[in-house]
Amino acid sequence: MSTFAFDSISSSRRVPGSQMEFSNVRALTGLPAAVQKVLLVGQKLATGTVAALTPKRITQVAEGAAFFGRGSVLAAMVARAIAVNSSTELWAIGLDDNGAGTAATWTVTLTGPATSAGTLAYLIAGQKVPVAVASGDTATIAATALAAAVNALPDLPVTATSAAGVVTLTFRHKGTAGNDLDIRLNYYEGEVTPAGLTSVVAAGVAGATNPDLTAAFAAIGDVQYQTIALGFNDAANLTVADTEMLSRWGPGRQIDGRVFAGLSGSFSTCSTFGATRNGIFTTIVGAYKMPSPPWEVAAGFAGVAAFNLQIDPARPLTDLVVSGLLPPKPGERFIDSERNILLSNAISTFRVTAGGEVAIERLISTYRVNSLGFPDVSWLDVTTTATLSYYRFSYRARMAAKFPRAKLTNDTIRSIRAETIALARDWGDAGLMEDVDGFIAGLVLERDSTNVNQLNTLMIPNVVNGLLQLAARIEFIL
């Protein structure tokens, strides 16, 4: 009996001569590269040229504004994603506002007059909005100038009107995103409000009713995006994401991915919200009084994670900088004990470097408890699921390449076992798995008892863990 088979050469040919065919079943060695694709999901404006629910490949920042409208949530997400990661394949899909929604408003109330010249140094959604003030300017004059300055910046997510010293800022989208808008004065050192003027920012109408994420997932079908960033963070849409990602990770679809969202709120708000979540494949990054909005936080953290997990899915992401995001001021940052509690309540955290950069501290899932309600850390770290995803991808790629159209015989089973062991050694050499010998000892391959065409394999990989804490004891002598 032949120990190999031809793909294109038949033994029934009678014409004399030689025939040779080429096969690539042995061509590839080592581990395959798992190329990442990032998808941004957010609200678009009517000025965008790409229709809602249409996935679009993005290569330039200007495309985000053109495709989805200047000042839109999705345009800002595109800009942030490219700023942190310009090499990973990037896609975006826009959603129209929910017609039943409400746009958030904010007010800036000025009092005066100014007794000295200077600049009102506003920061809106992390973007500078400077307003020149002359000595003697009344509150009405200053408010009129602020509204004009806002409307002169089309990439801001708000428009402005002014009346009698009060500026009303209206979010460009309906929905809850506008409720998370950060508006502040004098963020940077050295910025001072001109004497005689005061400025008070207050929330106005609360934004309500987001678009439904279900439509976006339906639009992308079974296309795999390993990293997905959301432009909203409401509980209903995060539940949709949890459900969709469980389906995508299942054996029927095998199009693994992870969803990222940003959350703005106090320690109490973030920890309380996190305690309501339990998704294995969703990650929420929390912040308090962060100038950069949550939709940019989601895009930025997703972009950095995608780039680095593609290089090594098991290596911790701790201390990687998410460039361009503006951190909270020192007195408004979560302290160590608060961040530790947040990490126990499904909220991922960041640190601020000495240079004022936002850097990942620990990215975790929102999974907290098992089906019986008991605490469970098995799916905690993002790197765990990223590594498991790579195991599956590389195993499927290796078996497809080595055993195309194979027959199920004892010889085939022995070959598959040998190839699985070789792959496990590659995982070990790449630092993706510990205890290769233990993996080999526990490896089981057996024919299915009911399906004669199915080979069942049991693998027990020891997933590599990240070095996230280093503890030491010093017993000193005098």
Protein backbone atom coordinates (compact mmCIF):
# COMPACT_ATOMS: atom_id res chain seq x y z
CA MET A 1 0.00 0.00 0.00
CA SER A 2 1.35 3.43 -0.93
CA THR A 3 2.54 5.59 1.95
CA PHE A 4 1.71 8.81 0.10
CA ALA A 5 -0.79 10.01 -2.49
CA PHE A 6 -0.60 12.14 -5.63
CA ASP A 7 -2.89 15.12 -6.08
CA SER A 8 -2.92 15.19 -9.87
CA ILE A 9 -1.16 12.06 -11.15
CA SER A 10 -3.22 8.99 -11.92
CA SER A 11 -1.87 5.43 -11.88
CA SER A 12 -4.22 4.52 -14.73
CA ARG A 13 -2.32 6.57 -17.35
CA ARG A 14 -0.99 4.33 -20.20
CA VAL A 15 0.97 6.79 -22.34
CA PRO A 16 4.69 6.28 -21.69
CA GLY A 17 6.67 9.09 -20.08
CA SER A 18 7.34 10.69 -16.73
CA GLN A 19 5.10 12.96 -14.71
CA MET A 20 6.03 15.14 -11.77
CA GLU A 21 3.89 17.34 -9.57
CA PHE A 22 4.73 19.84 -6.87
CA SER A 23 3.26 19.96 -3.36
CA ASN A 24 3.74 22.48 -0.60
CA VAL A 25 2.74 20.19 2.26
CA ARG A 26 6.33 20.23 3.60
CA ALA A 27 7.25 23.74 2.49
CA LEU A 28 6.30 25.65 5.61
CA THR A 29 8.20 25.20 8.85
CA GLY A 30 7.98 26.97 12.18
CA LEU A 31 5.03 28.92 13.47
CA PRO A 32 2.76 30.88 11.12
CA ALA A 33 2.26 34.61 11.53
CA ALA A 34 -1.21 35.46 12.84
CA VAL A 35 -2.00 38.72 11.08
CA GLN A 36 -4.32 41.04 13.00
CA LYS A 37 -7.20 43.12 11.69
CA VAL A 38 -8.67 45.96 13.72
CA LEU A 39 -12.28 47.11 13.41
CA LEU A 40 -13.55 50.43 14.78
CA VAL A 41 -17.28 50.69 15.40
CA GLY A 42 -18.76 54.11 16.09
CA GLN A 43 -21.28 56.73 15.13
CA LYS A 44 -21.01 58.57 11.82
CA LEU A 45 -22.47 61.87 10.64
CA ALA A 46 -24.62 62.54 7.60
CA THR A 47 -21.71 64.45 6.06
CA GLY A 48 -19.71 61.21 5.74
CA THR A 49 -19.48 59.77 2.26
CA VAL A 50 -19.67 56.10 3.28
CA ALA A 51 -23.11 54.69 4.05
CA ALA A 52 -23.83 53.37 7.51
CA LEU A 53 -23.16 49.67 8.17
CA THR A 54 -20.58 49.53 5.37
CA PRO A 55 -17.16 48.19 6.47
CA LYS A 56 -14.41 50.35 4.99
CA ARG A 57 -10.65 49.80 4.87
CA ILE A 58 -8.78 52.79 6.33
CA THR A 59 -5.19 53.79 5.62
CA GLN A 60 -5.13 57.54 6.37
CA VAL A 61 -6.50 59.83 9.09
CA ALA A 62 -8.16 62.04 6.48
CA GLU A 63 -10.25 59.09 5.32
CA GLY A 64 -11.92 58.88 8.71
CA ALA A 65 -13.17 62.44 8.43
CA ALA A 66 -14.19 62.07 4.79
CA PHE A 67 -15.90 58.69 5.15
CA PHE A 68 -17.69 59.32 8.46
CA GLY A 69 -17.89 63.10 8.82
CA ARG A 70 -15.59 65.63 10.49
CA GLY A 71 -16.27 65.81 14.20
CA SER A 72 -17.84 62.37 14.33
CA VAL A 73 -16.99 59.83 17.00
CA LEU A 74 -15.75 57.39 14.37
CA ALA A 75 -13.46 59.95 12.71
CA ALA A 76 -11.82 60.61 16.09
CA MET A 77 -11.41 56.87 16.66
CA VAL A 78 -9.71 56.49 13.28
CA ALA A 79 -7.27 59.29 14.08
CA ARG A 80 -6.37 57.79 17.45
CA ALA A 81 -6.01 54.24 16.13
CA ILE A 82 -3.64 55.33 13.37
CA ALA A 83 -1.67 57.51 15.79
CA VAL A 84 -0.84 54.51 17.98
CA ASN A 85 -0.59 51.85 15.28
CA SER A 86 -0.20 52.68 11.61
CA SER A 87 0.88 49.20 10.50
CA THR A 88 -1.97 46.86 11.48
CA GLU A 89 -4.77 46.47 8.94
CA LEU A 90 -7.54 48.88 9.96
CA TRP A 91 -11.25 48.84 9.13
CA ALA A 92 -14.14 50.95 10.34
CA ILE A 93 -17.91 50.66 10.21
CA GLY A 94 -20.21 53.58 10.94
CA LEU A 95 -23.61 53.59 12.59
CA ASP A 96 -26.22 56.29 12.16
CA ASP A 97 -27.59 57.90 15.30
CA ASN A 98 -30.68 56.30 16.77
CA GLY A 99 -33.61 58.40 15.55
CA ALA A 100 -35.22 58.15 18.97
CA GLY A 101 -32.08 59.43 20.68
CA THR A 102 -31.25 62.71 22.39
CA ALA A 103 -28.06 64.72 21.96
CA ALA A 104 -26.22 65.75 25.12
CA THR A 105 -25.66 69.43 25.85
CA TRP A 106 -23.28 71.30 28.12
CA THR A 107 -23.18 74.92 29.24
CA VAL A 108 -20.23 77.20 29.91
CA THR A 109 -21.30 80.21 31.96
CA LEU A 110 -18.93 83.19 31.95
CA THR A 111 -18.94 86.17 34.27
CA GLY A 112 -16.88 89.32 33.90
CA PRO A 113 -15.70 91.75 32.79
CA ALA A 114 -12.03 90.91 32.29
CA THR A 115 -9.69 93.25 34.08
CA SER A 116 -6.62 92.09 32.18
CA ALA A 117 -5.87 90.65 28.76
CA GLY A 118 -5.11 86.99 28.33
CA THR A 119 -6.36 83.67 26.97
CA LEU A 120 -9.17 81.40 28.04
CA ALA A 121 -7.43 78.05 27.52
CA TYR A 122 -10.26 75.56 27.05
CA LEU A 123 -9.81 71.87 26.35
CA ILE A 124 -12.80 70.08 24.80
CA ALA A 125 -12.54 66.32 24.23
CA GLY A 126 -8.78 66.70 24.57
CA GLN A 127 -8.55 69.36 21.85
CA LYS A 128 -7.29 72.89 22.55
CA VAL A 129 -9.79 75.72 22.09
CA PRO A 130 -7.98 78.99 22.94
CA VAL A 131 -10.00 82.21 23.21
CA ALA A 132 -8.23 85.58 23.21
CA VAL A 133 -9.55 88.07 25.79
CA ALA A 134 -8.93 91.81 25.96
CA SER A 135 -9.08 93.84 29.14
CA GLY A 136 -12.64 95.11 29.58
CA ASP A 137 -14.30 92.28 27.62
CA THR A 138 -17.66 91.44 29.11
CA ALA A 139 -18.93 87.95 29.73
CA THR A 140 -21.11 88.24 26.64
CA ILE A 141 -18.15 89.19 24.46
CA ALA A 142 -16.06 86.34 25.83
CA ALA A 143 -18.91 83.85 25.37
CA THR A 144 -19.44 84.97 21.79
CA ALA A 145 -15.72 84.49 21.13
CA LEU A 146 -15.75 81.01 22.70
CA ALA A 147 -18.71 79.91 20.56
CA ALA A 148 -16.96 81.21 17.45
CA ALA A 149 -13.74 79.40 18.38
CA VAL A 150 -15.63 76.12 18.86
CA ASN A 151 -17.47 76.41 15.55
CA ALA A 152 -14.20 77.18 13.77
CA LEU A 153 -12.87 73.71 14.70
CA PRO A 154 -14.86 71.19 12.64
CA ASP A 155 -13.12 68.21 14.20
CA LEU A 156 -14.59 68.94 17.63
CA PRO A 157 -17.51 66.66 18.56
CA VAL A 158 -19.68 69.66 19.52
CA THR A 159 -21.20 72.80 18.02
CA ALA A 160 -21.80 75.99 20.00
CA THR A 161 -24.24 78.87 20.44
CA SER A 162 -23.98 81.79 22.89
CA ALA A 163 -26.38 84.17 24.59
CA ALA A 164 -25.93 86.60 27.48
CA GLY A 165 -22.59 85.13 28.60
CA VAL A 166 -23.67 81.50 28.37
CA VAL A 167 -22.30 79.12 25.73
CA THR A 168 -24.33 76.01 24.96
CA LEU A 169 -22.37 73.11 23.51
CA THR A 170 -24.38 70.46 21.68
CA PHE A 171 -22.88 67.06 20.94
CA ARG A 172 -22.93 66.22 17.24
CA HIS A 173 -24.43 62.78 17.89
CA LYS A 174 -27.51 61.58 19.69
CA GLY A 175 -26.85 59.04 22.40
CA THR A 176 -24.91 58.64 25.61
CA ALA A 177 -21.41 59.34 24.26
CA GLY A 178 -21.87 63.09 24.75
CA ASN A 179 -22.43 62.56 28.47
CA ASP A 180 -18.76 61.56 28.78
CA LEU A 181 -17.45 64.74 27.19
CA ASP A 182 -14.64 66.42 29.14
CA ILE A 183 -14.65 70.23 29.04
CA ARG A 184 -12.12 72.07 31.14
CA LEU A 185 -10.08 75.21 31.55
CA ASN A 186 -6.33 75.50 32.18
CA TYR A 187 -5.27 71.87 31.78
CA TYR A 188 -1.63 72.63 31.01
CA GLU A 189 0.84 74.17 33.40
CA GLY A 190 1.12 77.94 33.05
CA GLU A 191 -2.41 78.46 31.73
CA VAL A 192 -4.25 81.13 33.74
CA THR A 193 -7.76 82.57 33.42
CA PRO A 194 -7.64 86.32 32.66
CA ALA A 195 -8.35 88.33 35.81
CA GLY A 196 -11.95 89.32 36.29
CA LEU A 197 -13.41 86.40 34.34
CA THR A 198 -14.84 83.18 35.74
CA SER A 199 -16.01 80.12 33.86
CA VAL A 200 -18.35 77.40 35.11
CA VAL A 201 -19.03 74.23 33.10
CA ALA A 202 -22.22 72.30 33.75
CA ALA A 203 -24.05 69.37 32.20
CA GLY A 204 -27.27 70.28 30.41
CA VAL A 205 -29.53 67.82 28.61
CA ALA A 206 -28.42 64.23 29.09
CA GLY A 207 -27.73 62.28 25.92
CA ALA A 208 -29.77 59.12 25.54
CA THR A 209 -30.43 56.09 23.31
CA ASN A 210 -27.51 54.71 21.34
CA PRO A 211 -27.63 52.86 18.02
CA ASP A 212 -27.85 49.08 18.25
CA LEU A 213 -24.54 47.25 17.85
CA THR A 214 -26.40 44.18 16.58
CA ALA A 215 -26.69 45.75 13.13
CA ALA A 216 -22.93 46.25 12.88
CA PHE A 217 -22.20 42.62 13.72
CA ALA A 218 -24.77 41.51 11.18
CA ALA A 219 -23.10 43.71 8.56
CA ILE A 220 -19.63 42.20 9.04
CA GLY A 221 -20.94 38.64 9.00
CA ASP A 222 -18.21 36.05 9.49
CA VAL A 223 -15.29 38.29 8.60
CA GLN A 224 -12.72 37.98 11.37
CA TYR A 225 -11.43 41.04 13.21
CA GLN A 226 -9.11 40.06 16.03
CA THR A 227 -9.51 43.46 17.71
CA ILE A 228 -12.72 45.52 17.81
CA ALA A 229 -13.01 48.97 19.43
CA LEU A 230 -16.41 50.41 20.33
CA GLY A 231 -17.38 54.06 20.31
CA PHE A 232 -19.98 53.56 23.04
CA ASN A 233 -20.08 51.83 26.40
CA ASP A 234 -23.71 51.33 27.36
CA ALA A 235 -24.64 48.08 29.07
CA ALA A 236 -27.05 46.96 26.33
CA ASN A 237 -24.45 47.15 23.56
CA LEU A 238 -21.73 45.58 25.69
CA THR A 239 -24.08 42.66 26.27
CA VAL A 240 -24.56 42.38 22.52
CA ALA A 241 -20.77 42.32 22.18
CA ASP A 242 -20.41 39.63 24.85
CA THR A 243 -22.92 37.41 23.08
CA GLU A 244 -21.42 37.95 19.63
CA MET A 245 -17.87 37.26 20.79
CA LEU A 246 -18.89 34.01 22.49
CA SER A 247 -20.38 32.94 19.16
CA ARG A 248 -17.30 33.99 17.23
CA TRP A 249 -15.00 32.05 19.56
CA GLY A 250 -17.12 28.91 19.35
CA PRO A 251 -16.01 25.84 17.34
CA GLY A 252 -18.67 26.48 14.74
CA ARG A 253 -17.23 29.88 13.69
CA GLN A 254 -13.65 30.06 15.05
CA ILE A 255 -13.20 33.75 14.22
CA ASP A 256 -11.70 34.82 17.53
CA GLY A 257 -11.52 38.43 18.60
CA ARG A 258 -11.67 40.87 21.51
CA VAL A 259 -13.78 43.97 22.07
CA PHE A 260 -12.43 47.13 23.73
CA ALA A 261 -14.46 49.96 25.24
CA GLY A 262 -13.60 53.05 27.29
CA LEU A 263 -15.45 54.12 30.42
CA SER A 264 -15.48 57.56 32.03
CA GLY A 265 -16.47 57.95 35.65
CA SER A 266 -15.46 58.12 39.28
CA PHE A 267 -13.95 55.19 41.10
CA SER A 268 -17.38 54.29 42.43
CA THR A 269 -19.00 54.56 39.00
CA CYS A 270 -16.36 52.44 37.28
CA SER A 271 -16.16 49.75 39.96
CA THR A 272 -19.94 49.49 40.21
CA PHE A 273 -20.34 49.20 36.46
CA GLY A 274 -17.56 46.63 36.17
CA ALA A 275 -19.20 44.47 38.81
CA THR A 276 -22.21 44.08 36.50
CA ARG A 277 -20.18 42.66 33.61
CA ASN A 278 -18.95 39.12 32.98
CA GLY A 279 -17.67 38.86 29.42
CA ILE A 280 -14.68 36.70 28.57
CA PHE A 281 -13.81 38.57 25.40
CA THR A 282 -14.57 42.20 26.30
CA THR A 283 -12.19 44.68 27.91
CA ILE A 284 -13.21 48.00 29.49
CA VAL A 285 -10.62 50.67 30.31
CA GLY A 286 -11.78 53.02 33.06
CA ALA A 287 -10.71 56.60 33.76
CA TYR A 288 -11.85 59.60 35.82
CA LYS A 289 -11.79 63.14 34.42
CA MET A 290 -9.64 62.12 31.49
CA PRO A 291 -9.53 64.83 28.80
CA SER A 292 -9.40 62.25 26.00
CA PRO A 293 -12.89 60.79 25.48
CA PRO A 294 -13.75 57.10 26.01
CA TRP A 295 -14.12 56.40 22.29
CA GLU A 296 -10.52 57.50 21.73
CA VAL A 297 -9.41 55.47 24.76
CA ALA A 298 -11.02 52.37 23.23
CA ALA A 299 -9.38 52.95 19.84
CA GLY A 300 -5.99 53.74 21.35
CA PHE A 301 -5.79 50.76 23.71
CA ALA A 302 -7.14 48.45 21.00
CA GLY A 303 -4.53 49.65 18.51
CA VAL A 304 -1.62 49.15 20.90
CA ALA A 305 -2.89 45.72 21.95
CA ALA A 306 -3.38 44.58 18.35
CA PHE A 307 0.14 45.56 17.32
CA ASN A 308 1.87 43.88 20.26
CA LEU A 309 -0.27 40.74 20.54
CA GLN A 310 0.46 40.06 16.88
CA ILE A 311 4.17 40.01 17.72
CA ASP A 312 3.77 37.84 20.83
CA PRO A 313 0.33 36.93 22.22
CA ALA A 314 1.75 35.77 25.55
CA ARG A 315 3.93 38.75 26.42
CA PRO A 316 2.39 41.15 28.98
CA LEU A 317 1.24 44.53 27.65
CA THR A 318 2.17 46.33 30.86
CA ASP A 319 3.90 49.72 30.45
CA LEU A 320 3.19 50.07 26.73
CA VAL A 321 2.42 53.73 25.98
CA VAL A 322 -0.86 54.67 24.30
CA SER A 323 0.42 57.79 22.58
CA GLY A 324 -1.65 60.94 22.26
CA LEU A 325 -4.12 60.27 25.07
CA LEU A 326 -4.18 63.01 27.70
CA PRO A 327 -4.12 61.67 31.27
CA PRO A 328 -6.17 62.98 34.18
CA LYS A 329 -4.48 65.60 36.33
CA PRO A 330 -2.48 64.19 39.27
CA GLY A 331 -5.20 64.73 41.86
CA GLU A 332 -7.81 63.07 39.65
CA ARG A 333 -6.01 59.82 38.88
CA PHE A 334 -7.01 56.53 40.47
CA ILE A 335 -4.55 55.67 43.21
CA ASP A 336 -2.90 52.26 43.59
CA SER A 337 -5.50 50.84 45.99
CA GLU A 338 -8.35 52.01 43.76
CA ARG A 339 -6.78 50.50 40.66
CA ASN A 340 -6.34 47.20 42.49
CA ILE A 341 -10.05 47.17 43.33
CA LEU A 342 -10.97 48.12 39.76
CA LEU A 343 -8.94 45.17 38.49
CA SER A 344 -11.00 42.97 40.79
CA ASN A 345 -14.16 44.46 39.31
CA ALA A 346 -13.53 43.85 35.62
CA ILE A 347 -12.04 47.28 34.81
CA SER A 348 -8.65 47.53 33.10
CA THR A 349 -6.23 50.18 34.30
CA PHE A 350 -3.40 52.44 33.17
CA ARG A 351 -0.55 54.35 34.74
CA VAL A 352 0.80 57.80 33.90
CA THR A 353 4.53 57.96 33.17
CA ALA A 354 6.86 60.62 34.54
CA GLY A 355 6.57 62.30 31.15
CA GLY A 356 2.79 62.47 31.35
CA GLU A 357 2.07 59.60 28.96
CA VAL A 358 -0.76 57.11 29.38
CA ALA A 359 0.68 53.59 29.67
CA ILE A 360 -1.12 50.26 30.01
CA GLU A 361 -1.01 48.83 33.52
CA ARG A 362 -3.06 45.68 33.04
CA LEU A 363 -5.59 44.69 30.40
CA ILE A 364 -8.14 42.18 31.62
CA SER A 365 -11.46 40.78 30.53
CA THR A 366 -14.70 41.60 32.33
CA TYR A 367 -15.08 37.92 33.26
CA ARG A 368 -15.37 37.66 37.05
CA VAL A 369 -17.39 34.60 38.06
CA ASN A 370 -18.16 31.17 36.67
CA SER A 371 -21.59 29.77 35.86
CA LEU A 372 -22.13 28.93 39.54
CA GLY A 373 -21.36 32.47 40.65
CA PHE A 374 -17.96 31.75 42.20
CA PRO A 375 -14.90 33.95 41.48
CA ASP A 376 -12.92 32.64 38.52
CA VAL A 377 -9.63 34.04 37.17
CA SER A 378 -9.22 31.52 34.35
CA TRP A 379 -10.12 34.06 31.65
CA LEU A 380 -8.75 37.14 33.41
CA ASP A 381 -5.81 38.37 31.35
CA VAL A 382 -6.06 39.42 27.72
CA THR A 383 -2.84 37.54 26.98
CA THR A 384 -4.42 34.24 28.05
CA THR A 385 -7.14 34.34 25.41
CA ALA A 386 -4.71 35.78 22.87
CA THR A 387 -2.39 32.81 23.41
CA LEU A 388 -5.23 30.29 23.23
CA SER A 389 -6.40 31.92 20.02
CA TYR A 390 -2.92 31.50 18.57
CA TYR A 391 -2.80 27.85 19.61
CA ARG A 392 -5.97 27.19 17.65
CA PHE A 393 -4.91 29.26 14.65
CA SER A 394 -1.48 27.66 14.35
CA TYR A 395 -2.80 24.14 14.95
CA ARG A 396 -5.46 24.50 12.25
CA ALA A 397 -2.93 26.04 9.85
CA ARG A 398 -0.40 23.24 10.47
CA MET A 399 -2.92 20.42 10.05
CA ALA A 400 -4.47 21.97 6.94
CA ALA A 401 -1.04 22.31 5.35
CA LYS A 402 0.25 18.88 6.32
CA PHE A 403 -2.85 16.74 5.83
CA PRO A 404 -4.93 18.08 2.95
CA ARG A 405 -7.59 15.57 1.85
CA ALA A 406 -6.06 12.95 4.13
CA LYS A 407 -7.52 9.51 4.79
CA LEU A 408 -8.10 8.47 8.37
CA THR A 409 -5.83 5.51 8.99
CA ASN A 410 -3.63 4.41 11.85
CA ASP A 411 -0.64 5.74 9.92
CA THR A 412 -2.39 9.11 9.57
CA ILE A 413 -3.13 9.21 13.29
CA ARG A 414 0.52 8.53 14.10
CA SER A 415 1.56 11.28 11.70
CA ILE A 416 -0.89 13.76 13.20
CA ARG A 417 0.37 12.92 16.67
CA ALA A 418 3.96 13.50 15.56
CA GLU A 419 3.01 16.79 13.91
CA THR A 420 1.14 17.93 17.02
CA ILE A 421 4.16 17.19 19.16
CA ALA A 422 6.39 19.09 16.76
CA LEU A 423 4.01 22.04 16.92
CA ALA A 424 4.01 21.90 20.72
CA ARG A 425 7.79 22.08 20.69
CA ASP A 426 7.54 25.15 18.46
CA TRP A 427 5.12 26.70 20.94
CA GLY A 428 7.55 25.97 23.74
CA ASP A 429 10.52 27.38 21.82
CA ALA A 430 8.53 30.56 21.11
CA GLY A 431 7.72 31.02 24.80
CA LEU A 432 4.01 30.42 24.28
CA MET A 433 3.74 27.25 26.38
CA GLU A 434 5.42 25.72 29.41
CA ASP A 435 6.10 22.05 30.17
CA VAL A 436 6.17 20.60 26.67
CA ASP A 437 6.90 17.16 28.10
CA GLY A 438 3.75 17.35 30.20
CA PHE A 439 1.79 18.35 27.09
CA ILE A 440 3.13 15.32 25.20
CA ALA A 441 2.34 12.99 28.10
CA GLY A 442 -1.23 14.21 28.23
CA LEU A 443 -1.84 14.22 24.47
CA VAL A 444 -4.68 11.91 23.40
CA LEU A 445 -5.76 11.08 19.83
CA GLU A 446 -8.61 8.67 19.26
CA ARG A 447 -11.21 7.86 16.65
CA ASP A 448 -14.68 9.13 17.39
CA SER A 449 -17.01 6.34 18.51
CA THR A 450 -19.95 7.49 16.38
CA ASN A 451 -18.39 9.38 13.44
CA VAL A 452 -15.99 7.19 11.49
CA ASN A 453 -14.53 10.23 9.72
CA GLN A 454 -13.62 12.14 12.88
CA LEU A 455 -10.39 12.09 14.86
CA ASN A 456 -10.67 13.48 18.39
CA THR A 457 -7.68 15.13 20.00
CA LEU A 458 -7.21 16.20 23.61
CA MET A 459 -4.47 18.77 24.27
CA ILE A 460 -3.58 20.18 27.69
CA PRO A 461 -1.23 23.14 27.11
CA ASN A 462 0.31 24.94 30.08
CA VAL A 463 -0.24 28.55 29.03
CA VAL A 464 2.66 30.90 29.74
CA ASN A 465 1.83 33.51 32.38
CA GLY A 466 3.09 37.08 32.47
CA LEU A 467 5.46 38.32 35.17
CA LEU A 468 3.16 40.99 36.58
CA GLN A 469 4.18 40.98 40.25
CA LEU A 470 7.61 40.50 41.76
CA ALA A 471 7.67 39.97 45.52
CA ALA A 472 10.76 40.04 47.72
CA ARG A 473 11.49 39.91 51.43
CA ILE A 474 14.49 41.65 52.94
CA GLU A 475 15.62 40.36 56.35
CA PHE A 476 18.18 42.92 57.39
CA ILE A 477 20.92 42.60 60.02
CA LEU A 478 22.20 45.43 62.22
